[in-house]
Structure formats: structure tokens, C-alpha cells
Amino acid sequence: LKKRIVPFYSASVTNIGSQMVAARSGYVPFWVDTFGTILDGSSA
């Protein structure tokens, strides 16, 4: 932020520990998205 760079932090909806780190670090949820599903044979 001192360098006028906007940081963002991402956490899976199932990763409660990571979400807690975000909250304790002064971050707030700003958007939610799905994984980018590419049907090329790489998806489980």
C-alpha cells in the first residue's frame, strides 16, 4: 500500500483457516467466483 499497489487475498470457501487470516489481516470479502472450468481433460 505504501507503493500504491492494491493487494488482494484469495481463499477457498472450504478453507476456514485462510479466511480467518484474511479477516485478522484487515481484509474484507470483495468478490466471489467459481473455478474457471476448462473442459480439456485436466479437470477431475
All heavy atoms as atom14 arrays in JSON, in Angstrom:
{
  "sequence": "LKKRIVPFYSASVTNIGSQMVAARSGYVPFWVDTFGTILDGSSA",
  "atom14_mask": [
    [1, 1, 1, 1, 1, 1, 1, 1, 0, 0, 0, 0, 0, 0],
    [1, 1, 1, 1, 1, 1, 1, 1, 1, 0, 0, 0, 0, 0],
    [1, 1, 1, 1, 1, 1, 1, 1, 1, 0, 0, 0, 0, 0],
    [1, 1, 1, 1, 1, 1, 1, 1, 1, 1, 1, 0, 0, 0],
    [1, 1, 1, 1, 1, 1, 1, 1, 0, 0, 0, 0, 0, 0],
    [1, 1, 1, 1, 1, 1, 1, 0, 0, 0, 0, 0, 0, 0],
    [1, 1, 1, 1, 1, 1, 1, 0, 0, 0, 0, 0, 0, 0],
    [1, 1, 1, 1, 1, 1, 1, 1, 1, 1, 1, 0, 0, 0],
    [1, 1, 1, 1, 1, 1, 1, 1, 1, 1, 1, 1, 0, 0],
    [1, 1, 1, 1, 1, 1, 0, 0, 0, 0, 0, 0, 0, 0],
    [1, 1, 1, 1, 1, 0, 0, 0, 0, 0, 0, 0, 0, 0],
    [1, 1, 1, 1, 1, 1, 0, 0, 0, 0, 0, 0, 0, 0],
    [1, 1, 1, 1, 1, 1, 1, 0, 0, 0, 0, 0, 0, 0],
    [1, 1, 1, 1, 1, 1, 1, 0, 0, 0, 0, 0, 0, 0],
    [1, 1, 1, 1, 1, 1, 1, 1, 0, 0, 0, 0, 0, 0],
    [1, 1, 1, 1, 1, 1, 1, 1, 0, 0, 0, 0, 0, 0],
    [1, 1, 1, 1, 0, 0, 0, 0, 0, 0, 0, 0, 0, 0],
    [1, 1, 1, 1, 1, 1, 0, 0, 0, 0, 0, 0, 0, 0],
    [1, 1, 1, 1, 1, 1, 1, 1, 1, 0, 0, 0, 0, 0],
    [1, 1, 1, 1, 1, 1, 1, 1, 0, 0, 0, 0, 0, 0],
    [1, 1, 1, 1, 1, 1, 1, 0, 0, 0, 0, 0, 0, 0],
    [1, 1, 1, 1, 1, 0, 0, 0, 0, 0, 0, 0, 0, 0],
    [1, 1, 1, 1, 1, 0, 0, 0, 0, 0, 0, 0, 0, 0],
    [1, 1, 1, 1, 1, 1, 1, 1, 1, 1, 1, 0, 0, 0],
    [1, 1, 1, 1, 1, 1, 0, 0, 0, 0, 0, 0, 0, 0],
    [1, 1, 1, 1, 0, 0, 0, 0, 0, 0, 0, 0, 0, 0],
    [1, 1, 1, 1, 1, 1, 1, 1, 1, 1, 1, 1, 0, 0],
    [1, 1, 1, 1, 1, 1, 1, 0, 0, 0, 0, 0, 0, 0],
    [1, 1, 1, 1, 1, 1, 1, 0, 0, 0, 0, 0, 0, 0],
    [1, 1, 1, 1, 1, 1, 1, 1, 1, 1, 1, 0, 0, 0],
    [1, 1, 1, 1, 1, 1, 1, 1, 1, 1, 1, 1, 1, 1],
    [1, 1, 1, 1, 1, 1, 1, 0, 0, 0, 0, 0, 0, 0],
    [1, 1, 1, 1, 1, 1, 1, 1, 0, 0, 0, 0, 0, 0],
    [1, 1, 1, 1, 1, 1, 1, 0, 0, 0, 0, 0, 0, 0],
    [1, 1, 1, 1, 1, 1, 1, 1, 1, 1, 1, 0, 0, 0],
    [1, 1, 1, 1, 0, 0, 0, 0, 0, 0, 0, 0, 0, 0],
    [1, 1, 1, 1, 1, 1, 1, 0, 0, 0, 0, 0, 0, 0],
    [1, 1, 1, 1, 1, 1, 1, 1, 0, 0, 0, 0, 0, 0],
    [1, 1, 1, 1, 1, 1, 1, 1, 0, 0, 0, 0, 0, 0],
    [1, 1, 1, 1, 1, 1, 1, 1, 0, 0, 0, 0, 0, 0],
    [1, 1, 1, 1, 0, 0, 0, 0, 0, 0, 0, 0, 0, 0],
    [1, 1, 1, 1, 1, 1, 0, 0, 0, 0, 0, 0, 0, 0],
    [1, 1, 1, 1, 1, 1, 0, 0, 0, 0, 0, 0, 0, 0],
    [1, 1, 1, 1, 1, 0, 0, 0, 0, 0, 0, 0, 0, 0]
  ],
  "atom14_positions": [
    [[0.82, -1.21, 0.0], [0.0, 0.0, 0.0], [0.85, 1.26, 0.0], [0.48, 2.28, -0.58], [-0.95, -0.01, 1.19], [-2.09, -1.03, 1.13], [-2.88, -1.03, 2.43], [-3.02, -0.73, -0.04], [0.0, 0.0, 0.0], [0.0, 0.0, 0.0], [0.0, 0.0, 0.0], [0.0, 0.0, 0.0], [0.0, 0.0, 0.0], [0.0, 0.0, 0.0]],
    [[2.01, 1.2, 0.63], [2.93, 2.35, 0.6], [3.36, 2.66, -0.82], [3.67, 3.8, -1.16], [4.16, 2.05, 1.46], [3.91, 2.04, 2.95], [5.18, 1.64, 3.69], [4.94, 1.5, 5.18], [6.17, 1.02, 5.89], [0.0, 0.0, 0.0], [0.0, 0.0, 0.0], [0.0, 0.0, 0.0], [0.0, 0.0, 0.0], [0.0, 0.0, 0.0]],
    [[3.39, 1.63, -1.67], [3.8, 1.79, -3.07], [2.6, 1.99, -3.99], [2.73, 1.91, -5.21], [4.6, 0.56, -3.51], [5.91, 0.36, -2.75], [6.6, -0.93, -3.19], [7.91, -1.15, -2.46], [8.93, -0.15, -2.85], [0.0, 0.0, 0.0], [0.0, 0.0, 0.0], [0.0, 0.0, 0.0], [0.0, 0.0, 0.0], [0.0, 0.0, 0.0]],
    [[1.42, 2.21, -3.42], [0.18, 2.41, -4.18], [-0.16, 1.18, -5.02], [-0.7, 1.27, -6.12], [0.26, 3.65, -5.06], [0.47, 4.95, -4.3], [-0.78, 5.41, -3.62], [-1.8, 5.91, -4.54], [-2.97, 6.43, -4.16], [-3.26, 6.48, -2.86], [-3.84, 6.86, -5.04], [0.0, 0.0, 0.0], [0.0, 0.0, 0.0], [0.0, 0.0, 0.0]],
    [[0.15, 0.01, -4.49], [-0.21, -1.26, -5.11], [-1.41, -1.82, -4.34], [-1.41, -1.82, -3.11], [0.96, -2.25, -5.07], [2.11, -1.75, -5.94], [0.52, -3.64, -5.53], [3.4, -2.53, -5.76], [0.0, 0.0, 0.0], [0.0, 0.0, 0.0], [0.0, 0.0, 0.0], [0.0, 0.0, 0.0], [0.0, 0.0, 0.0], [0.0, 0.0, 0.0]],
    [[-2.43, -2.27, -5.06], [-3.61, -2.85, -4.43], [-3.39, -4.35, -4.25], [-3.27, -5.08, -5.23], [-4.87, -2.63, -5.27], [-6.09, -3.25, -4.57], [-5.11, -1.15, -5.52], [0.0, 0.0, 0.0], [0.0, 0.0, 0.0], [0.0, 0.0, 0.0], [0.0, 0.0, 0.0], [0.0, 0.0, 0.0], [0.0, 0.0, 0.0], [0.0, 0.0, 0.0]],
    [[-3.31, -4.83, -3.02], [-3.18, -6.27, -2.8], [-4.56, -6.92, -2.65], [-5.49, -6.29, -2.16], [-2.41, -6.35, -1.48], [-2.82, -5.12, -0.74], [-3.19, -4.07, -1.76], [0.0, 0.0, 0.0], [0.0, 0.0, 0.0], [0.0, 0.0, 0.0], [0.0, 0.0, 0.0], [0.0, 0.0, 0.0], [0.0, 0.0, 0.0], [0.0, 0.0, 0.0]],
    [[-4.69, -8.14, -3.12], [-5.88, -8.91, -2.8], [-5.47, -10.3, -2.36], [-4.39, -10.78, -2.7], [-6.89, -8.94, -3.96], [-6.49, -9.76, -5.16], [-6.9, -11.08, -5.31], [-5.74, -9.19, -6.19], [-6.56, -11.83, -6.42], [-5.39, -9.93, -7.31], [-5.8, -11.25, -7.44], [0.0, 0.0, 0.0], [0.0, 0.0, 0.0], [0.0, 0.0, 0.0]],
    [[-6.33, -10.92, -1.6], [-6.05, -12.2, -0.95], [-7.19, -13.15, -1.31], [-8.36, -12.75, -1.29], [-5.97, -11.99, 0.55], [-5.66, -13.2, 1.39], [-4.37, -13.44, 1.86], [-6.66, -14.09, 1.76], [-4.1, -14.55, 2.66], [-6.39, -15.19, 2.55], [-5.11, -15.42, 2.99], [-4.84, -16.52, 3.78], [0.0, 0.0, 0.0], [0.0, 0.0, 0.0]],
    [[-6.87, -14.39, -1.65], [-7.9, -15.33, -2.09], [-7.92, -16.56, -1.19], [-6.86, -17.05, -0.77], [-7.63, -15.76, -3.54], [-7.56, -14.64, -4.4], [0.0, 0.0, 0.0], [0.0, 0.0, 0.0], [0.0, 0.0, 0.0], [0.0, 0.0, 0.0], [0.0, 0.0, 0.0], [0.0, 0.0, 0.0], [0.0, 0.0, 0.0], [0.0, 0.0, 0.0]],
    [[-9.14, -17.06, -0.92], [-9.29, -18.25, -0.08], [-10.46, -19.07, -0.57], [-11.52, -18.53, -0.9], [-9.52, -17.86, 1.38], [0.0, 0.0, 0.0], [0.0, 0.0, 0.0], [0.0, 0.0, 0.0], [0.0, 0.0, 0.0], [0.0, 0.0, 0.0], [0.0, 0.0, 0.0], [0.0, 0.0, 0.0], [0.0, 0.0, 0.0], [0.0, 0.0, 0.0]],
    [[-10.27, -20.37, -0.64], [-11.37, -21.27, -0.99], [-12.47, -21.15, 0.06], [-12.19, -20.91, 1.25], [-10.86, -22.71, -1.06], [-11.94, -23.63, -1.06], [0.0, 0.0, 0.0], [0.0, 0.0, 0.0], [0.0, 0.0, 0.0], [0.0, 0.0, 0.0], [0.0, 0.0, 0.0], [0.0, 0.0, 0.0], [0.0, 0.0, 0.0], [0.0, 0.0, 0.0]],
    [[-13.72, -21.35, -0.34], [-14.82, -21.28, 0.62], [-14.71, -22.39, 1.66], [-15.34, -22.31, 2.72], [-16.19, -21.38, -0.09], [-16.41, -20.19, -1.01], [-16.32, -22.69, -0.87], [0.0, 0.0, 0.0], [0.0, 0.0, 0.0], [0.0, 0.0, 0.0], [0.0, 0.0, 0.0], [0.0, 0.0, 0.0], [0.0, 0.0, 0.0], [0.0, 0.0, 0.0]],
    [[-13.91, -23.42, 1.4], [-13.75, -24.51, 2.36], [-12.56, -24.32, 3.29], [-12.39, -25.08, 4.25], [-13.57, -25.85, 1.63], [-12.36, -25.81, 0.85], [-14.75, -26.14, 0.71], [0.0, 0.0, 0.0], [0.0, 0.0, 0.0], [0.0, 0.0, 0.0], [0.0, 0.0, 0.0], [0.0, 0.0, 0.0], [0.0, 0.0, 0.0], [0.0, 0.0, 0.0]],
    [[-11.74, -23.3, 3.04], [-10.53, -23.1, 3.83], [-10.78, -22.04, 4.91], [-10.48, -20.86, 4.74], [-9.36, -22.68, 2.93], [-8.02, -22.76, 3.64], [-7.94, -22.71, 4.86], [-6.96, -22.89, 2.86], [0.0, 0.0, 0.0], [0.0, 0.0, 0.0], [0.0, 0.0, 0.0], [0.0, 0.0, 0.0], [0.0, 0.0, 0.0], [0.0, 0.0, 0.0]],
    [[-11.34, -22.48, 6.02], [-11.71, -21.56, 7.09], [-10.47, -20.88, 7.69], [-10.49, -19.69, 8.01], [-12.48, -22.29, 8.2], [-13.71, -22.99, 7.62], [-12.88, -21.33, 9.31], [-14.68, -22.06, 6.95], [0.0, 0.0, 0.0], [0.0, 0.0, 0.0], [0.0, 0.0, 0.0], [0.0, 0.0, 0.0], [0.0, 0.0, 0.0], [0.0, 0.0, 0.0]],
    [[-9.37, -21.62, 7.84], [-8.15, -21.04, 8.39], [-7.65, -19.88, 7.57], [-7.26, -18.83, 8.11], [0.0, 0.0, 0.0], [0.0, 0.0, 0.0], [0.0, 0.0, 0.0], [0.0, 0.0, 0.0], [0.0, 0.0, 0.0], [0.0, 0.0, 0.0], [0.0, 0.0, 0.0], [0.0, 0.0, 0.0], [0.0, 0.0, 0.0], [0.0, 0.0, 0.0]],
    [[-7.65, -20.04, 6.25], [-7.2, -18.96, 5.37], [-8.14, -17.77, 5.44], [-7.7, -16.61, 5.43], [-7.11, -19.48, 3.92], [-6.55, -18.5, 3.07], [0.0, 0.0, 0.0], [0.0, 0.0, 0.0], [0.0, 0.0, 0.0], [0.0, 0.0, 0.0], [0.0, 0.0, 0.0], [0.0, 0.0, 0.0], [0.0, 0.0, 0.0], [0.0, 0.0, 0.0]],
    [[-9.43, -18.02, 5.54], [-10.4, -16.93, 5.68], [-10.17, -16.16, 6.98], [-10.3, -14.93, 7.01], [-11.82, -17.49, 5.63], [-12.21, -18.1, 4.3], [-13.52, -18.84, 4.37], [-14.44, -18.43, 5.07], [-13.63, -19.95, 3.65], [0.0, 0.0, 0.0], [0.0, 0.0, 0.0], [0.0, 0.0, 0.0], [0.0, 0.0, 0.0], [0.0, 0.0, 0.0]],
    [[-9.8, -16.86, 8.04], [-9.53, -16.2, 9.32], [-8.29, -15.32, 9.22], [-8.25, -14.23, 9.79], [-9.37, -17.25, 10.41], [-10.66, -17.98, 10.76], [-10.43, -19.33, 11.93], [-9.95, -18.42, 13.4], [0.0, 0.0, 0.0], [0.0, 0.0, 0.0], [0.0, 0.0, 0.0], [0.0, 0.0, 0.0], [0.0, 0.0, 0.0], [0.0, 0.0, 0.0]],
    [[-7.28, -15.78, 8.49], [-6.08, -14.96, 8.27], [-6.46, -13.67, 7.56], [-6.02, -12.57, 7.93], [-5.02, -15.73, 7.48], [-3.89, -14.79, 7.05], [-4.44, -16.86, 8.32], [0.0, 0.0, 0.0], [0.0, 0.0, 0.0], [0.0, 0.0, 0.0], [0.0, 0.0, 0.0], [0.0, 0.0, 0.0], [0.0, 0.0, 0.0], [0.0, 0.0, 0.0]],
    [[-7.3, -13.78, 6.54], [-7.73, -12.59, 5.8], [-8.43, -11.6, 6.72], [-8.12, -10.4, 6.72], [-8.66, -13.0, 4.65], [0.0, 0.0, 0.0], [0.0, 0.0, 0.0], [0.0, 0.0, 0.0], [0.0, 0.0, 0.0], [0.0, 0.0, 0.0], [0.0, 0.0, 0.0], [0.0, 0.0, 0.0], [0.0, 0.0, 0.0], [0.0, 0.0, 0.0]],
    [[-9.35, -12.1, 7.54], [-10.1, -11.22, 8.44], [-9.18, -10.56, 9.46], [-9.29, -9.36, 9.74], [-11.2, -12.01, 9.15], [0.0, 0.0, 0.0], [0.0, 0.0, 0.0], [0.0, 0.0, 0.0], [0.0, 0.0, 0.0], [0.0, 0.0, 0.0], [0.0, 0.0, 0.0], [0.0, 0.0, 0.0], [0.0, 0.0, 0.0], [0.0, 0.0, 0.0]],
    [[-8.27, -11.34, 10.04], [-7.36, -10.79, 11.04], [-6.34, -9.83, 10.44], [-5.75, -9.03, 11.16], [-6.65, -11.94, 11.75], [-7.56, -12.79, 12.63], [-6.86, -14.05, 13.07], [-7.71, -14.87, 13.94], [-7.48, -16.13, 14.23], [-6.4, -16.75, 13.73], [-8.3, -16.81, 15.02], [0.0, 0.0, 0.0], [0.0, 0.0, 0.0], [0.0, 0.0, 0.0]],
    [[-6.15, -9.92, 9.14], [-5.18, -9.06, 8.47], [-5.8, -7.75, 7.99], [-5.15, -6.97, 7.3], [-4.55, -9.8, 7.29], [-3.88, -10.97, 7.71], [0.0, 0.0, 0.0], [0.0, 0.0, 0.0], [0.0, 0.0, 0.0], [0.0, 0.0, 0.0], [0.0, 0.0, 0.0], [0.0, 0.0, 0.0], [0.0, 0.0, 0.0], [0.0, 0.0, 0.0]],
    [[-7.07, -7.53, 8.34], [-7.72, -6.29, 7.95], [-8.33, -6.32, 6.57], [-8.59, -5.27, 5.97], [0.0, 0.0, 0.0], [0.0, 0.0, 0.0], [0.0, 0.0, 0.0], [0.0, 0.0, 0.0], [0.0, 0.0, 0.0], [0.0, 0.0, 0.0], [0.0, 0.0, 0.0], [0.0, 0.0, 0.0], [0.0, 0.0, 0.0], [0.0, 0.0, 0.0]],
    [[-8.58, -7.53, 6.05], [-9.19, -7.68, 4.72], [-10.69, -7.94, 4.85], [-11.14, -8.51, 5.85], [-8.55, -8.85, 3.98], [-7.21, -8.53, 3.33], [-6.08, -8.27, 4.1], [-7.08, -8.51, 1.95], [-4.86, -7.99, 3.51], [-5.86, -8.23, 1.34], [-4.75, -7.98, 2.13], [-3.55, -7.7, 1.54], [0.0, 0.0, 0.0], [0.0, 0.0, 0.0]],
    [[-11.44, -7.56, 3.81], [-12.87, -7.82, 3.76], [-13.2, -8.52, 2.44], [-12.54, -8.29, 1.42], [-13.7, -6.52, 3.88], [-13.53, -5.91, 5.26], [-13.29, -5.52, 2.8], [0.0, 0.0, 0.0], [0.0, 0.0, 0.0], [0.0, 0.0, 0.0], [0.0, 0.0, 0.0], [0.0, 0.0, 0.0], [0.0, 0.0, 0.0], [0.0, 0.0, 0.0]],
    [[-14.23, -9.39, 2.43], [-14.62, -10.05, 1.17], [-15.07, -9.02, 0.16], [-15.8, -8.07, 0.49], [-15.78, -10.95, 1.6], [-15.66, -11.08, 3.08], [-15.06, -9.81, 3.56], [0.0, 0.0, 0.0], [0.0, 0.0, 0.0], [0.0, 0.0, 0.0], [0.0, 0.0, 0.0], [0.0, 0.0, 0.0], [0.0, 0.0, 0.0], [0.0, 0.0, 0.0]],
    [[-14.64, -9.19, -1.09], [-14.99, -8.2, -2.11], [-15.65, -8.82, -3.34], [-16.48, -8.19, -3.97], [-13.75, -7.4, -2.51], [-14.05, -6.02, -3.02], [-14.75, -5.12, -2.24], [-13.64, -5.61, -4.28], [-15.04, -3.85, -2.7], [-13.91, -4.34, -4.75], [-14.61, -3.45, -3.96], [0.0, 0.0, 0.0], [0.0, 0.0, 0.0], [0.0, 0.0, 0.0]],
    [[-15.26, -10.03, -3.69], [-15.98, -10.75, -4.74], [-15.79, -12.25, -4.57], [-14.9, -12.7, -3.87], [-15.55, -10.3, -6.13], [-14.24, -10.82, -6.67], [-14.06, -11.9, -7.5], [-12.93, -10.25, -6.49], [-12.73, -12.05, -7.83], [-12.02, -11.04, -7.22], [-12.45, -9.15, -5.77], [-10.66, -10.76, -7.25], [-11.09, -8.89, -5.8], [-10.21, -9.68, -6.54]],
    [[-16.69, -13.01, -5.19], [-16.63, -14.47, -5.17], [-16.73, -14.95, -6.6], [-17.52, -14.42, -7.39], [-17.79, -15.08, -4.33], [-17.77, -16.6, -4.42], [-17.7, -14.63, -2.89], [0.0, 0.0, 0.0], [0.0, 0.0, 0.0], [0.0, 0.0, 0.0], [0.0, 0.0, 0.0], [0.0, 0.0, 0.0], [0.0, 0.0, 0.0], [0.0, 0.0, 0.0]],
    [[-15.94, -15.95, -6.94], [-16.08, -16.55, -8.26], [-15.89, -18.06, -8.19], [-15.41, -18.59, -7.19], [-15.14, -15.91, -9.3], [-13.67, -16.0, -8.92], [-13.29, -16.92, -8.17], [-12.89, -15.15, -9.38], [0.0, 0.0, 0.0], [0.0, 0.0, 0.0], [0.0, 0.0, 0.0], [0.0, 0.0, 0.0], [0.0, 0.0, 0.0], [0.0, 0.0, 0.0]],
    [[-16.32, -18.72, -9.24], [-16.11, -20.16, -9.34], [-14.74, -20.42, -9.94], [-14.11, -19.52, -10.52], [-17.16, -20.81, -10.24], [-17.04, -20.28, -11.57], [-18.56, -20.54, -9.72], [0.0, 0.0, 0.0], [0.0, 0.0, 0.0], [0.0, 0.0, 0.0], [0.0, 0.0, 0.0], [0.0, 0.0, 0.0], [0.0, 0.0, 0.0], [0.0, 0.0, 0.0]],
    [[-14.26, -21.64, -9.8], [-13.05, -22.01, -10.52], [-13.35, -21.9, -12.01], [-14.46, -22.18, -12.45], [-12.64, -23.45, -10.21], [-12.26, -23.69, -8.76], [-12.0, -24.97, -8.31], [-12.17, -22.65, -7.86], [-11.66, -25.21, -6.99], [-11.83, -22.86, -6.52], [-11.58, -24.16, -6.09], [0.0, 0.0, 0.0], [0.0, 0.0, 0.0], [0.0, 0.0, 0.0]],
    [[-12.36, -21.49, -12.78], [-12.53, -21.44, -14.23], [-12.55, -22.86, -14.77], [-11.52, -23.53, -14.82], [0.0, 0.0, 0.0], [0.0, 0.0, 0.0], [0.0, 0.0, 0.0], [0.0, 0.0, 0.0], [0.0, 0.0, 0.0], [0.0, 0.0, 0.0], [0.0, 0.0, 0.0], [0.0, 0.0, 0.0], [0.0, 0.0, 0.0], [0.0, 0.0, 0.0]],
    [[-13.72, -23.35, -15.16], [-13.85, -24.72, -15.63], [-13.48, -24.79, -17.11], [-14.17, -24.23, -17.96], [-15.28, -25.23, -15.43], [-15.65, -25.07, -14.07], [-15.39, -26.7, -15.82], [0.0, 0.0, 0.0], [0.0, 0.0, 0.0], [0.0, 0.0, 0.0], [0.0, 0.0, 0.0], [0.0, 0.0, 0.0], [0.0, 0.0, 0.0], [0.0, 0.0, 0.0]],
    [[-12.4, -25.47, -17.41], [-11.96, -25.67, -18.79], [-12.06, -27.16, -19.09], [-11.38, -27.98, -18.48], [-10.52, -25.19, -19.01], [-10.39, -23.71, -18.63], [-10.09, -25.4, -20.47], [-8.98, -23.19, -18.67], [0.0, 0.0, 0.0], [0.0, 0.0, 0.0], [0.0, 0.0, 0.0], [0.0, 0.0, 0.0], [0.0, 0.0, 0.0], [0.0, 0.0, 0.0]],
    [[-12.92, -27.52, -20.01], [-13.19, -28.93, -20.28], [-12.21, -29.47, -21.31], [-12.55, -29.77, -22.45], [-14.64, -29.09, -20.75], [-15.67, -28.47, -19.8], [-17.06, -28.59, -20.37], [-15.58, -29.1, -18.44], [0.0, 0.0, 0.0], [0.0, 0.0, 0.0], [0.0, 0.0, 0.0], [0.0, 0.0, 0.0], [0.0, 0.0, 0.0], [0.0, 0.0, 0.0]],
    [[-10.94, -29.57, -20.9], [-9.89, -30.02, -21.81], [-9.27, -31.33, -21.36], [-8.22, -31.73, -21.85], [-8.8, -28.95, -21.92], [-8.13, -28.66, -20.58], [-8.59, -29.21, -19.55], [-7.17, -27.88, -20.55], [0.0, 0.0, 0.0], [0.0, 0.0, 0.0], [0.0, 0.0, 0.0], [0.0, 0.0, 0.0], [0.0, 0.0, 0.0], [0.0, 0.0, 0.0]],
    [[-9.89, -32.0, -20.4], [-9.36, -33.25, -19.9], [-8.55, -33.11, -18.63], [-8.15, -34.11, -18.04], [0.0, 0.0, 0.0], [0.0, 0.0, 0.0], [0.0, 0.0, 0.0], [0.0, 0.0, 0.0], [0.0, 0.0, 0.0], [0.0, 0.0, 0.0], [0.0, 0.0, 0.0], [0.0, 0.0, 0.0], [0.0, 0.0, 0.0], [0.0, 0.0, 0.0]],
    [[-8.31, -31.88, -18.17], [-7.47, -31.67, -16.99], [-8.28, -31.64, -15.7], [-7.71, -31.72, -14.61], [-6.69, -30.36, -17.12], [-7.57, -29.25, -17.18], [0.0, 0.0, 0.0], [0.0, 0.0, 0.0], [0.0, 0.0, 0.0], [0.0, 0.0, 0.0], [0.0, 0.0, 0.0], [0.0, 0.0, 0.0], [0.0, 0.0, 0.0], [0.0, 0.0, 0.0]],
    [[-9.59, -31.52, -15.79], [-10.42, -31.43, -14.61], [-10.74, -32.8, -14.04], [-11.0, -33.75, -14.79], [-11.73, -30.69, -14.94], [-12.67, -30.87, -13.9], [0.0, 0.0, 0.0], [0.0, 0.0, 0.0], [0.0, 0.0, 0.0], [0.0, 0.0, 0.0], [0.0, 0.0, 0.0], [0.0, 0.0, 0.0], [0.0, 0.0, 0.0], [0.0, 0.0, 0.0]],
    [[-10.76, -32.89, -12.73], [-11.13, -34.14, -12.07], [-12.59, -34.48, -12.32], [-13.02, -35.61, -12.1], [-10.88, -34.03, -10.58], [0.0, 0.0, 0.0], [0.0, 0.0, 0.0], [0.0, 0.0, 0.0], [0.0, 0.0, 0.0], [0.0, 0.0, 0.0], [0.0, 0.0, 0.0], [0.0, 0.0, 0.0], [0.0, 0.0, 0.0], [0.0, 0.0, 0.0]]
  ]
}
